[in-house]
Amino acid sequence: MDVTLAVSEKYQTLLEPNLHDGYLLGIGLPLPRRAELAAADVAEKRYCITLDGVIGLHVGDFWEGNVMLDVTVSRASKYG
């Protein structure tokens, strides 16, 4: 099922689905310039967030059981 993501214009943080206190379950790189993030909300509903046009991906401190604070979306132009 596809879900439209709602992103705050002011802070570029993901509003819907609400993943605050949810879990990042996995990260996949199935194709060049594509990343897929498997996540679950506090009710354990699962989502796959597909990011197309990815230029760079930095993941740090990714541990089993980590709880997400928020998801921030940035455009490539922000980084040059």
Protein backbone atom coordinates (compact mmCIF):
# COMPACT_ATOMS: atom_id res chain seq x y z
CA MET A 1 0.00 0.00 0.00
CA ASP A 2 1.39 3.41 -0.97
CA VAL A 3 1.14 6.19 1.59
CA THR A 4 1.68 9.87 0.87
CA LEU A 5 4.21 11.31 3.28
CA ALA A 6 3.35 14.58 5.00
CA VAL A 7 6.46 16.68 5.66
CA SER A 8 6.57 19.85 7.76
CA GLU A 9 7.60 22.78 5.53
CA LYS A 10 9.32 24.61 8.37
CA TYR A 11 11.45 21.76 9.75
CA GLN A 12 11.43 19.17 6.91
CA THR A 13 10.40 16.47 9.40
CA LEU A 14 8.05 13.65 8.57
CA LEU A 15 4.56 14.20 10.05
CA GLU A 16 2.63 11.28 8.55
CA PRO A 17 3.06 8.47 9.08
CA ASN A 18 3.99 9.37 12.64
CA LEU A 19 7.16 7.38 13.35
CA HIS A 20 8.09 9.19 16.58
CA ASP A 21 9.02 6.50 19.13
CA GLY A 22 8.80 3.92 16.33
CA TYR A 23 11.60 1.69 15.08
CA LEU A 24 13.92 1.63 12.09
CA LEU A 25 13.92 -2.03 11.12
CA GLY A 26 16.27 -1.99 8.16
CA ILE A 27 17.88 -0.10 5.30
CA GLY A 28 18.10 -1.41 1.76
CA LEU A 29 19.84 -0.16 -1.37
CA PRO A 30 18.00 -2.16 -4.08
CA LEU A 31 18.97 0.04 -7.04
CA PRO A 32 21.46 2.79 -7.78
CA ARG A 33 20.25 6.11 -6.29
CA ARG A 34 17.43 4.39 -4.36
CA ALA A 35 17.20 3.68 -0.64
CA GLU A 36 14.42 1.85 1.16
CA LEU A 37 13.84 2.31 4.88
CA ALA A 38 11.78 -0.30 6.70
CA ALA A 39 10.14 1.22 9.77
CA ALA A 40 7.37 0.53 12.27
CA ASP A 41 5.29 2.93 14.35
CA VAL A 42 4.48 2.45 18.05
CA ALA A 43 1.42 0.38 17.12
CA GLU A 44 3.81 -1.90 15.14
CA LYS A 45 2.30 -0.93 11.77
CA ARG A 46 5.08 -1.36 9.23
CA TYR A 47 6.11 1.02 6.46
CA CYS A 48 8.62 0.97 3.64
CA ILE A 49 9.82 4.49 2.83
CA THR A 50 11.32 4.60 -0.68
CA LEU A 51 13.74 7.43 -1.44
CA ASP A 52 14.56 7.98 -5.13
CA GLY A 53 17.44 10.12 -6.39
CA VAL A 54 19.62 9.45 -3.37
CA ILE A 55 23.08 10.96 -3.82
CA GLY A 56 24.51 10.07 -0.42
CA LEU A 57 23.37 8.16 2.63
CA HIS A 58 24.96 8.39 6.05
CA VAL A 59 23.78 6.04 8.76
CA GLY A 60 25.37 6.09 12.20
CA ASP A 61 24.65 4.44 15.52
CA PHE A 62 22.15 2.03 13.99
CA TRP A 63 21.48 -0.61 16.65
CA GLU A 64 18.77 -3.20 17.19
CA GLY A 65 16.08 -1.75 19.45
CA ASN A 66 16.86 1.91 18.73
CA VAL A 67 13.81 4.17 18.91
CA MET A 68 13.35 6.93 16.32
CA LEU A 69 12.99 10.53 17.42
CA ASP A 70 12.03 11.84 13.97
CA VAL A 71 12.67 11.49 10.25
CA THR A 72 14.15 14.53 8.49
CA VAL A 73 13.96 14.97 4.71
CA SER A 74 16.59 17.08 2.92
CA ARG A 75 16.99 17.96 -0.74
CA ALA A 76 20.33 17.45 -2.46
CA SER A 77 20.62 21.17 -3.24
CA LYS A 78 21.08 21.75 0.50
CA TYR A 79 24.40 19.92 0.26
CA GLY A 80 25.74 21.41 -2.93
